[in-house]
Amino acid sequence: MTTAPRRLAPRLILTALGLVAGGVVGAAIARLTKAGVIDLDALGWSDKAAVLIAVCLMALGLITAVASFNRRAAGRMMDPDEGRPATPGQLALYRDQGLVLFLAGVMMAAPVAALTLFDPLPAPIASAVMMAIVAGFLVQTAYNIVVWRRGDELMRRVISDTGAVCFWVLQGLLFLWAAAEKLNLAPVLSTWDVMTILMGFYLLISSVISIRRGLA
């Protein structure tokens, strides 16, 4: 009788934190839009999708990082049945995961933000943004390796399964689209469009696999 509530509590906590983070980010975007700082109507579909995915990634990163500062809450999120306090190593892993997710969101939002805030975008600022993205990518790659090495077998299986599903499904879909595009039967996709589709699909598949494997 107590298993269901114990399983449900961590998910409710994550949901509540996600709603708060999403509300704060949404309110900030609404204020910037109203003030004329950003113009969402001028963005294409892939830019809007990229911003949405970036917000989700940053919110997940913040939630994961916040959870890492509470041993009991982190332990319940990792294992609702046992509910044991997380170990220092598990907390460090949570913080690393949070940083990886947050950096992914920042890097994805950076190009759209730069183009929205500066019209036209000066070459020095574009170069500076690109250098920051490259630096962030290198840091994120290093922490991704750390997460892989520190993660248990279940986490590694989730990462591997997600990568495999995304590769096989997306490579097939992208081939079919490319063939249709070559035959003038489908509109042309830019590399940014493809990247946005890839990230959105990866986020969806990783969430589904994590839930099925019991990591969420």
C-alpha atoms as a PDB file:
ATOM      1  CA  MET A   1       0.000   0.000   0.000  1.00  0.00           C
ATOM      2  CA  THR A   2       2.953   2.337   0.554  1.00  0.00           C
ATOM      3  CA  THR A   3       4.850   1.560  -2.657  1.00  0.00           C
ATOM      4  CA  ALA A   4       2.726   3.702  -4.968  1.00  0.00           C
ATOM      5  CA  PRO A   5       2.902   6.893  -2.861  1.00  0.00           C
ATOM      6  CA  ARG A   6       6.647   6.437  -2.434  1.00  0.00           C
ATOM      7  CA  ARG A   7       7.066   6.078  -6.177  1.00  0.00           C
ATOM      8  CA  LEU A   8       4.777   9.004  -6.866  1.00  0.00           C
ATOM      9  CA  ALA A   9       6.341  11.515  -4.453  1.00  0.00           C
ATOM     10  CA  PRO A  10       9.659  12.006  -6.315  1.00  0.00           C
ATOM     11  CA  ARG A  11       7.819  12.450  -9.604  1.00  0.00           C
ATOM     12  CA  LEU A  12       5.492  14.996  -8.046  1.00  0.00           C
ATOM     13  CA  ILE A  13       8.507  16.892  -6.710  1.00  0.00           C
ATOM     14  CA  LEU A  14      10.139  16.885 -10.155  1.00  0.00           C
ATOM     15  CA  THR A  15       6.897  17.964 -11.791  1.00  0.00           C
ATOM     16  CA  ALA A  16       6.430  20.815  -9.322  1.00  0.00           C
ATOM     17  CA  LEU A  17      10.002  22.017  -9.785  1.00  0.00           C
ATOM     18  CA  GLY A  18       9.598  21.777 -13.547  1.00  0.00           C
ATOM     19  CA  LEU A  19       6.428  23.859 -13.455  1.00  0.00           C
ATOM     20  CA  VAL A  20       8.126  26.515 -11.328  1.00  0.00           C
ATOM     21  CA  ALA A  21      11.211  26.636 -13.573  1.00  0.00           C
ATOM     22  CA  GLY A  22       9.078  26.710 -16.694  1.00  0.00           C
ATOM     23  CA  GLY A  23       6.893  29.449 -15.252  1.00  0.00           C
ATOM     24  CA  VAL A  24       9.876  31.621 -14.394  1.00  0.00           C
ATOM     25  CA  VAL A  25      11.440  31.193 -17.842  1.00  0.00           C
ATOM     26  CA  GLY A  26       8.083  31.713 -19.562  1.00  0.00           C
ATOM     27  CA  ALA A  27       7.430  34.901 -17.602  1.00  0.00           C
ATOM     28  CA  ALA A  28      10.884  36.224 -18.468  1.00  0.00           C
ATOM     29  CA  ILE A  29      10.356  35.532 -22.185  1.00  0.00           C
ATOM     30  CA  ALA A  30       6.908  37.154 -22.047  1.00  0.00           C
ATOM     31  CA  ARG A  31       8.346  40.307 -20.450  1.00  0.00           C
ATOM     32  CA  LEU A  32      11.162  40.527 -23.001  1.00  0.00           C
ATOM     33  CA  THR A  33       8.667  40.036 -25.828  1.00  0.00           C
ATOM     34  CA  LYS A  34       6.333  42.711 -24.459  1.00  0.00           C
ATOM     35  CA  ALA A  35       9.232  45.127 -24.046  1.00  0.00           C
ATOM     36  CA  GLY A  36      10.227  44.571 -27.673  1.00  0.00           C
ATOM     37  CA  VAL A  37      13.607  43.083 -26.768  1.00  0.00           C
ATOM     38  CA  ILE A  38      12.818  39.869 -28.612  1.00  0.00           C
ATOM     39  CA  ASP A  39      10.391  39.188 -31.439  1.00  0.00           C
ATOM     40  CA  LEU A  40       9.137  35.601 -31.412  1.00  0.00           C
ATOM     41  CA  ASP A  41       6.981  36.211 -34.480  1.00  0.00           C
ATOM     42  CA  ALA A  42      10.107  36.757 -36.559  1.00  0.00           C
ATOM     43  CA  LEU A  43      11.493  33.316 -35.661  1.00  0.00           C
ATOM     44  CA  GLY A  44      11.121  30.334 -37.965  1.00  0.00           C
ATOM     45  CA  TRP A  45       9.649  27.021 -36.809  1.00  0.00           C
ATOM     46  CA  SER A  46      13.049  25.478 -36.078  1.00  0.00           C
ATOM     47  CA  ASP A  47      14.148  28.513 -34.044  1.00  0.00           C
ATOM     48  CA  LYS A  48      10.970  28.384 -31.952  1.00  0.00           C
ATOM     49  CA  ALA A  49      11.387  24.649 -31.465  1.00  0.00           C
ATOM     50  CA  ALA A  50      15.043  25.145 -30.525  1.00  0.00           C
ATOM     51  CA  VAL A  51      14.103  27.728 -27.882  1.00  0.00           C
ATOM     52  CA  LEU A  52      11.457  25.393 -26.439  1.00  0.00           C
ATOM     53  CA  ILE A  53      13.883  22.464 -26.308  1.00  0.00           C
ATOM     54  CA  ALA A  54      16.585  24.694 -24.813  1.00  0.00           C
ATOM     55  CA  VAL A  55      14.221  25.862 -22.062  1.00  0.00           C
ATOM     56  CA  CYS A  56      13.300  22.238 -21.280  1.00  0.00           C
ATOM     57  CA  LEU A  57      16.965  21.213 -21.109  1.00  0.00           C
ATOM     58  CA  MET A  58      17.915  24.132 -18.866  1.00  0.00           C
ATOM     59  CA  ALA A  59      14.930  23.494 -16.581  1.00  0.00           C
ATOM     60  CA  LEU A  60      15.816  19.801 -16.303  1.00  0.00           C
ATOM     61  CA  GLY A  61      19.420  20.719 -15.604  1.00  0.00           C
ATOM     62  CA  LEU A  62      18.447  23.108 -12.818  1.00  0.00           C
ATOM     63  CA  ILE A  63      16.022  20.594 -11.289  1.00  0.00           C
ATOM     64  CA  THR A  64      18.668  17.864 -11.331  1.00  0.00           C
ATOM     65  CA  ALA A  65      21.273  20.178  -9.817  1.00  0.00           C
ATOM     66  CA  VAL A  66      18.898  21.334  -7.063  1.00  0.00           C
ATOM     67  CA  ALA A  67      18.028  17.710  -6.215  1.00  0.00           C
ATOM     68  CA  SER A  68      21.734  16.931  -5.782  1.00  0.00           C
ATOM     69  CA  PHE A  69      21.907  19.153  -2.705  1.00  0.00           C
ATOM     70  CA  ASN A  70      19.400  17.020  -0.763  1.00  0.00           C
ATOM     71  CA  ARG A  71      20.629  13.490  -0.060  1.00  0.00           C
ATOM     72  CA  ARG A  72      17.215  12.115   0.875  1.00  0.00           C
ATOM     73  CA  ALA A  73      15.356  13.687  -2.053  1.00  0.00           C
ATOM     74  CA  ALA A  74      18.031  12.563  -4.511  1.00  0.00           C
ATOM     75  CA  GLY A  75      17.947   9.052  -3.053  1.00  0.00           C
ATOM     76  CA  ARG A  76      14.187   8.821  -3.460  1.00  0.00           C
ATOM     77  CA  MET A  77      14.415  10.015  -7.053  1.00  0.00           C
ATOM     78  CA  MET A  78      17.051   7.395  -7.822  1.00  0.00           C
ATOM     79  CA  ASP A  79      15.298   4.559  -5.997  1.00  0.00           C
ATOM     80  CA  PRO A  80      11.709   5.267  -4.825  1.00  0.00           C
ATOM     81  CA  ASP A  81      11.349   1.766  -3.347  1.00  0.00           C
ATOM     82  CA  GLU A  82      14.324   1.958  -1.011  1.00  0.00           C
ATOM     83  CA  GLY A  83      14.346   5.689  -0.335  1.00  0.00           C
ATOM     84  CA  ARG A  84      17.889   5.578   1.011  1.00  0.00           C
ATOM     85  CA  PRO A  85      19.838   8.857   1.147  1.00  0.00           C
ATOM     86  CA  ALA A  86      22.068   9.287  -1.873  1.00  0.00           C
ATOM     87  CA  THR A  87      25.787   8.771  -1.444  1.00  0.00           C
ATOM     88  CA  PRO A  88      28.274  11.600  -2.084  1.00  0.00           C
ATOM     89  CA  GLY A  89      29.212   9.891  -5.355  1.00  0.00           C
ATOM     90  CA  GLN A  90      25.575   9.788  -6.482  1.00  0.00           C
ATOM     91  CA  LEU A  91      25.118  13.451  -5.590  1.00  0.00           C
ATOM     92  CA  ALA A  92      28.209  14.343  -7.632  1.00  0.00           C
ATOM     93  CA  LEU A  93      26.788  12.350 -10.545  1.00  0.00           C
ATOM     94  CA  TYR A  94      23.502  14.272 -10.273  1.00  0.00           C
ATOM     95  CA  ARG A  95      25.361  17.600 -10.354  1.00  0.00           C
ATOM     96  CA  ASP A  96      27.343  16.494 -13.411  1.00  0.00           C
ATOM     97  CA  GLN A  97      24.125  15.461 -15.163  1.00  0.00           C
ATOM     98  CA  GLY A  98      22.552  18.790 -14.274  1.00  0.00           C
ATOM     99  CA  LEU A  99      25.499  20.677 -15.728  1.00  0.00           C
ATOM    100  CA  VAL A 100      25.430  18.611 -18.942  1.00  0.00           C
ATOM    101  CA  LEU A 101      21.715  19.277 -19.456  1.00  0.00           C
ATOM    102  CA  PHE A 102      21.973  22.974 -18.622  1.00  0.00           C
ATOM    103  CA  LEU A 103      24.941  23.515 -20.950  1.00  0.00           C
ATOM    104  CA  ALA A 104      23.088  21.734 -23.757  1.00  0.00           C
ATOM    105  CA  GLY A 105      20.190  24.146 -23.337  1.00  0.00           C
ATOM    106  CA  VAL A 106      22.414  27.219 -23.227  1.00  0.00           C
ATOM    107  CA  MET A 107      24.339  26.181 -26.350  1.00  0.00           C
ATOM    108  CA  MET A 108      21.130  25.489 -28.240  1.00  0.00           C
ATOM    109  CA  ALA A 109      19.584  28.813 -27.286  1.00  0.00           C
ATOM    110  CA  ALA A 110      22.706  30.923 -27.867  1.00  0.00           C
ATOM    111  CA  PRO A 111      22.573  31.244 -31.695  1.00  0.00           C
ATOM    112  CA  VAL A 112      18.861  32.101 -31.703  1.00  0.00           C
ATOM    113  CA  ALA A 113      19.302  34.575 -28.841  1.00  0.00           C
ATOM    114  CA  ALA A 114      22.219  36.295 -30.589  1.00  0.00           C
ATOM    115  CA  LEU A 115      20.308  36.678 -33.847  1.00  0.00           C
ATOM    116  CA  THR A 116      17.227  37.935 -31.997  1.00  0.00           C
ATOM    117  CA  LEU A 117      19.023  40.482 -29.831  1.00  0.00           C
ATOM    118  CA  PHE A 118      21.237  41.848 -32.628  1.00  0.00           C
ATOM    119  CA  ASP A 119      19.757  42.673 -36.022  1.00  0.00           C
ATOM    120  CA  PRO A 120      21.967  42.655 -37.994  1.00  0.00           C
ATOM    121  CA  LEU A 121      24.409  40.485 -36.028  1.00  0.00           C
ATOM    122  CA  PRO A 122      27.922  42.061 -35.995  1.00  0.00           C
ATOM    123  CA  ALA A 123      30.721  39.699 -37.005  1.00  0.00           C
ATOM    124  CA  PRO A 124      32.726  40.201 -33.752  1.00  0.00           C
ATOM    125  CA  ILE A 125      29.704  39.271 -31.625  1.00  0.00           C
ATOM    126  CA  ALA A 126      28.940  36.268 -33.851  1.00  0.00           C
ATOM    127  CA  SER A 127      32.550  35.107 -33.459  1.00  0.00           C
ATOM    128  CA  ALA A 128      32.426  35.597 -29.688  1.00  0.00           C
ATOM    129  CA  VAL A 129      29.189  33.623 -29.419  1.00  0.00           C
ATOM    130  CA  MET A 130      30.637  30.830 -31.545  1.00  0.00           C
ATOM    131  CA  MET A 131      33.791  30.685 -29.413  1.00  0.00           C
ATOM    132  CA  ALA A 132      31.637  30.466 -26.281  1.00  0.00           C
ATOM    133  CA  ILE A 133      29.600  27.652 -27.855  1.00  0.00           C
ATOM    134  CA  VAL A 134      32.783  25.737 -28.743  1.00  0.00           C
ATOM    135  CA  ALA A 135      34.089  26.177 -25.189  1.00  0.00           C
ATOM    136  CA  GLY A 136      30.764  25.034 -23.756  1.00  0.00           C
ATOM    137  CA  PHE A 137      30.747  22.039 -26.097  1.00  0.00           C
ATOM    138  CA  LEU A 138      34.214  20.972 -24.928  1.00  0.00           C
ATOM    139  CA  VAL A 139      33.219  21.306 -21.261  1.00  0.00           C
ATOM    140  CA  GLN A 140      29.983  19.401 -21.849  1.00  0.00           C
ATOM    141  CA  THR A 141      31.837  16.624 -23.677  1.00  0.00           C
ATOM    142  CA  ALA A 142      34.237  16.248 -20.763  1.00  0.00           C
ATOM    143  CA  TYR A 143      31.362  16.026 -18.270  1.00  0.00           C
ATOM    144  CA  ASN A 144      29.495  13.593 -20.531  1.00  0.00           C
ATOM    145  CA  ILE A 145      32.504  11.274 -20.289  1.00  0.00           C
ATOM    146  CA  VAL A 146      32.508  11.707 -16.501  1.00  0.00           C
ATOM    147  CA  VAL A 147      28.789  10.854 -16.311  1.00  0.00           C
ATOM    148  CA  TRP A 148      29.340   7.757 -18.464  1.00  0.00           C
ATOM    149  CA  ARG A 149      32.225   6.542 -16.269  1.00  0.00           C
ATOM    150  CA  ARG A 150      30.455   7.246 -12.962  1.00  0.00           C
ATOM    151  CA  GLY A 151      27.068   5.935 -14.061  1.00  0.00           C
ATOM    152  CA  ASP A 152      25.899   2.435 -13.187  1.00  0.00           C
ATOM    153  CA  GLU A 153      25.028  -0.263 -15.699  1.00  0.00           C
ATOM    154  CA  LEU A 154      21.381   0.806 -15.869  1.00  0.00           C
ATOM    155  CA  MET A 155      22.265   4.410 -16.711  1.00  0.00           C
ATOM    156  CA  ARG A 156      24.741   3.294 -19.354  1.00  0.00           C
ATOM    157  CA  ARG A 157      22.086   1.033 -20.850  1.00  0.00           C
ATOM    158  CA  VAL A 158      19.648   3.947 -21.051  1.00  0.00           C
ATOM    159  CA  ILE A 159      22.259   6.134 -22.776  1.00  0.00           C
ATOM    160  CA  SER A 160      23.158   3.356 -25.221  1.00  0.00           C
ATOM    161  CA  ASP A 161      19.534   2.473 -25.992  1.00  0.00           C
ATOM    162  CA  THR A 162      18.654   6.125 -26.580  1.00  0.00           C
ATOM    163  CA  GLY A 163      21.567   6.593 -28.958  1.00  0.00           C
ATOM    164  CA  ALA A 164      20.733   3.406 -30.850  1.00  0.00           C
ATOM    165  CA  VAL A 165      17.030   4.224 -31.266  1.00  0.00           C
ATOM    166  CA  CYS A 166      17.765   7.796 -32.357  1.00  0.00           C
ATOM    167  CA  PHE A 167      20.371   6.652 -34.890  1.00  0.00           C
ATOM    168  CA  TRP A 168      18.323   3.932 -36.560  1.00  0.00           C
ATOM    169  CA  VAL A 169      15.040   5.828 -36.639  1.00  0.00           C
ATOM    170  CA  LEU A 170      16.431   9.228 -37.598  1.00  0.00           C
ATOM    171  CA  GLN A 171      18.857   7.967 -40.227  1.00  0.00           C
ATOM    172  CA  GLY A 172      15.957   6.252 -41.956  1.00  0.00           C
ATOM    173  CA  LEU A 173      13.654   9.247 -41.740  1.00  0.00           C
ATOM    174  CA  LEU A 174      16.363  11.666 -42.842  1.00  0.00           C
ATOM    175  CA  PHE A 175      17.227   9.455 -45.814  1.00  0.00           C
ATOM    176  CA  LEU A 176      13.591   9.380 -46.925  1.00  0.00           C
ATOM    177  CA  TRP A 177      13.288  13.154 -46.509  1.00  0.00           C
ATOM    178  CA  ALA A 178      16.564  13.759 -48.370  1.00  0.00           C
ATOM    179  CA  ALA A 179      15.384  11.559 -51.244  1.00  0.00           C
ATOM    180  CA  ALA A 180      12.062  13.430 -51.410  1.00  0.00           C
ATOM    181  CA  GLU A 181      13.934  16.746 -51.233  1.00  0.00           C
ATOM    182  CA  LYS A 182      16.230  15.723 -54.087  1.00  0.00           C
ATOM    183  CA  LEU A 183      13.177  14.870 -56.183  1.00  0.00           C
ATOM    184  CA  ASN A 184      11.623  18.272 -55.391  1.00  0.00           C
ATOM    185  CA  LEU A 185       8.837  16.583 -53.440  1.00  0.00           C
ATOM    186  CA  ALA A 186       9.723  18.060 -50.027  1.00  0.00           C
ATOM    187  CA  PRO A 187      11.006  21.452 -48.824  1.00  0.00           C
ATOM    188  CA  VAL A 188      14.709  21.936 -48.195  1.00  0.00           C
ATOM    189  CA  LEU A 189      15.881  21.507 -44.596  1.00  0.00           C
ATOM    190  CA  SER A 190      18.856  23.426 -43.247  1.00  0.00           C
ATOM    191  CA  THR A 191      21.403  21.824 -40.925  1.00  0.00           C
ATOM    192  CA  TRP A 192      19.848  23.877 -38.100  1.00  0.00           C
ATOM    193  CA  ASP A 193      16.431  22.391 -38.917  1.00  0.00           C
ATOM    194  CA  VAL A 194      17.894  18.883 -38.835  1.00  0.00           C
ATOM    195  CA  MET A 195      19.743  19.555 -35.568  1.00  0.00           C
ATOM    196  CA  THR A 196      16.537  20.825 -33.942  1.00  0.00           C
ATOM    197  CA  ILE A 197      14.623  17.732 -35.040  1.00  0.00           C
ATOM    198  CA  LEU A 198      17.452  15.529 -33.759  1.00  0.00           C
ATOM    199  CA  MET A 199      17.548  17.194 -30.328  1.00  0.00           C
ATOM    200  CA  GLY A 200      13.775  17.141 -29.944  1.00  0.00           C
ATOM    201  CA  PHE A 201      13.604  13.468 -30.897  1.00  0.00           C
ATOM    202  CA  TYR A 202      16.532  12.630 -28.585  1.00  0.00           C
ATOM    203  CA  LEU A 203      14.878  14.407 -25.652  1.00  0.00           C
ATOM    204  CA  LEU A 204      11.612  12.546 -26.253  1.00  0.00           C
ATOM    205  CA  ILE A 205      13.201   9.115 -26.685  1.00  0.00           C
ATOM    206  CA  SER A 206      15.540   9.512 -23.694  1.00  0.00           C
ATOM    207  CA  SER A 207      12.556  10.435 -21.498  1.00  0.00           C
ATOM    208  CA  VAL A 208      10.520   7.430 -22.673  1.00  0.00           C
ATOM    209  CA  ILE A 209      13.410   4.987 -22.212  1.00  0.00           C
ATOM    210  CA  SER A 210      14.294   6.440 -18.788  1.00  0.00           C
ATOM    211  CA  ILE A 211      10.709   5.989 -17.596  1.00  0.00           C
ATOM    212  CA  ARG A 212      10.538   2.423 -18.944  1.00  0.00           C
ATOM    213  CA  ARG A 213      13.881   1.538 -17.344  1.00  0.00           C
ATOM    214  CA  GLY A 214      12.820   3.029 -14.017  1.00  0.00           C
ATOM    215  CA  LEU A 215      15.155   6.029 -13.948  1.00  0.00           C
ATOM    216  CA  ALA A 216      12.338   8.588 -13.910  1.00  0.00           C
END
